[in-house]
Amino acid sequence: MDHTQILLRPVVTEKATALRDGANQVSFFVHADANKIEIKKAVEAAFNVKVTGVNVVMKKPSERLRNRRASHVAGWRKAYVTLAPGEKIEFFEGV
């Protein structure tokens, strides 16, 4: 897979922003079949940075009952990527 297929979109939340500022970690929603090695190579190729670690979190799809109707809730896979000291990915700088 190409890095454009592995990295779907960045996670933009308060927690992700705090991790980016404090722990030098960035987070992405990633393809469900991508492993840690592929995610690491994709981030290094896409943003030209050095990656020291990758942690992956997966939420399985589920069903929710609301007013006696079942609805499908999609699952997702998220990767927390730790960058080497001094490295930085500038997503929304200057916006």
Protein backbone atom coordinates (compact mmCIF):
# COMPACT_ATOMS: atom_id res chain seq x y z
CA MET A 1 0.00 0.00 0.00
CA ASP A 2 1.05 3.55 -0.66
CA HIS A 3 1.33 6.05 2.21
CA THR A 4 -1.70 7.91 0.84
CA GLN A 5 -3.76 4.75 1.36
CA ILE A 6 -2.39 4.02 4.84
CA LEU A 7 -2.76 7.48 6.42
CA LEU A 8 -6.42 8.42 6.07
CA ARG A 9 -6.56 11.69 8.02
CA PRO A 10 -5.07 13.32 11.13
CA VAL A 11 -6.93 13.26 14.42
CA VAL A 12 -7.82 16.81 15.50
CA THR A 13 -9.01 16.73 19.11
CA GLU A 14 -7.95 18.33 22.37
CA LYS A 15 -6.16 15.16 23.42
CA ALA A 16 -4.30 14.91 20.12
CA THR A 17 -3.26 18.57 20.34
CA ALA A 18 -2.01 18.11 23.91
CA LEU A 19 0.01 15.04 22.89
CA ARG A 20 1.48 16.89 19.93
CA ASP A 21 2.60 19.78 22.14
CA GLY A 22 3.67 17.80 25.21
CA ALA A 23 4.85 14.33 24.21
CA ASN A 24 5.85 15.02 20.57
CA GLN A 25 3.23 12.55 19.31
CA VAL A 26 0.88 12.92 16.37
CA SER A 27 -2.17 10.77 15.73
CA PHE A 28 -3.79 9.58 12.52
CA PHE A 29 -6.76 7.49 11.49
CA VAL A 30 -5.16 4.69 9.49
CA HIS A 31 -6.24 1.88 7.19
CA ALA A 32 -7.60 -1.13 9.08
CA ASP A 33 -5.11 -3.55 7.50
CA ALA A 34 -1.96 -1.45 8.08
CA ASN A 35 0.56 -2.67 10.64
CA LYS A 36 3.01 -0.64 12.75
CA ILE A 37 5.91 -1.00 10.32
CA GLU A 38 3.82 0.21 7.37
CA ILE A 39 2.48 3.14 9.41
CA LYS A 40 6.01 4.14 10.42
CA LYS A 41 7.26 4.04 6.82
CA ALA A 42 4.21 5.97 5.60
CA VAL A 43 4.69 8.81 8.12
CA GLU A 44 8.41 9.02 7.39
CA ALA A 45 7.77 9.12 3.63
CA ALA A 46 4.86 11.56 3.76
CA PHE A 47 6.29 14.12 6.18
CA ASN A 48 10.07 13.57 5.94
CA VAL A 49 10.53 13.01 9.69
CA LYS A 50 12.13 10.34 11.92
CA VAL A 51 9.68 8.12 13.83
CA THR A 52 10.74 6.41 17.07
CA GLY A 53 7.55 4.53 17.93
CA VAL A 54 4.01 3.67 16.86
CA ASN A 55 1.08 2.66 19.09
CA VAL A 56 -2.15 1.45 17.49
CA VAL A 57 -5.67 1.58 18.93
CA MET A 58 -8.61 -0.19 17.28
CA LYS A 59 -12.33 0.16 17.94
CA LYS A 60 -14.38 -2.67 16.54
CA PRO A 61 -17.68 -2.00 14.73
CA SER A 62 -20.76 -2.32 16.91
CA GLU A 63 -24.50 -1.93 16.93
CA ARG A 64 -26.46 0.60 18.93
CA LEU A 65 -30.09 0.23 19.94
CA ARG A 66 -32.12 3.40 19.90
CA ASN A 67 -35.93 3.42 20.08
CA ARG A 68 -36.06 -0.30 19.37
CA ARG A 69 -34.05 0.14 16.17
CA ALA A 70 -30.58 -1.19 15.64
CA SER A 71 -28.07 1.08 13.97
CA HIS A 72 -24.55 0.25 12.87
CA VAL A 73 -21.62 2.19 14.35
CA ALA A 74 -18.48 1.98 12.23
CA GLY A 75 -15.17 0.98 13.76
CA TRP A 76 -11.84 2.75 13.28
CA ARG A 77 -8.12 2.27 13.73
CA LYS A 78 -5.98 5.06 15.12
CA ALA A 79 -2.19 5.31 15.33
CA TYR A 80 -0.25 7.41 17.84
CA VAL A 81 3.14 8.14 16.26
CA THR A 82 6.04 9.26 18.45
CA LEU A 83 8.51 11.51 16.65
CA ALA A 84 12.24 11.76 17.36
CA PRO A 85 13.36 14.70 19.51
CA GLY A 86 13.55 17.86 17.43
CA GLU A 87 11.23 16.54 14.71
CA LYS A 88 7.91 18.26 14.03
CA ILE A 89 4.95 17.87 11.69
CA GLU A 90 3.25 21.17 11.02
CA PHE A 91 -0.39 20.40 10.22
CA PHE A 92 -2.19 23.61 10.92
CA GLU A 93 0.57 26.10 11.58
CA GLY A 94 -0.42 29.56 10.42
CA VAL A 95 -4.14 28.78 10.10
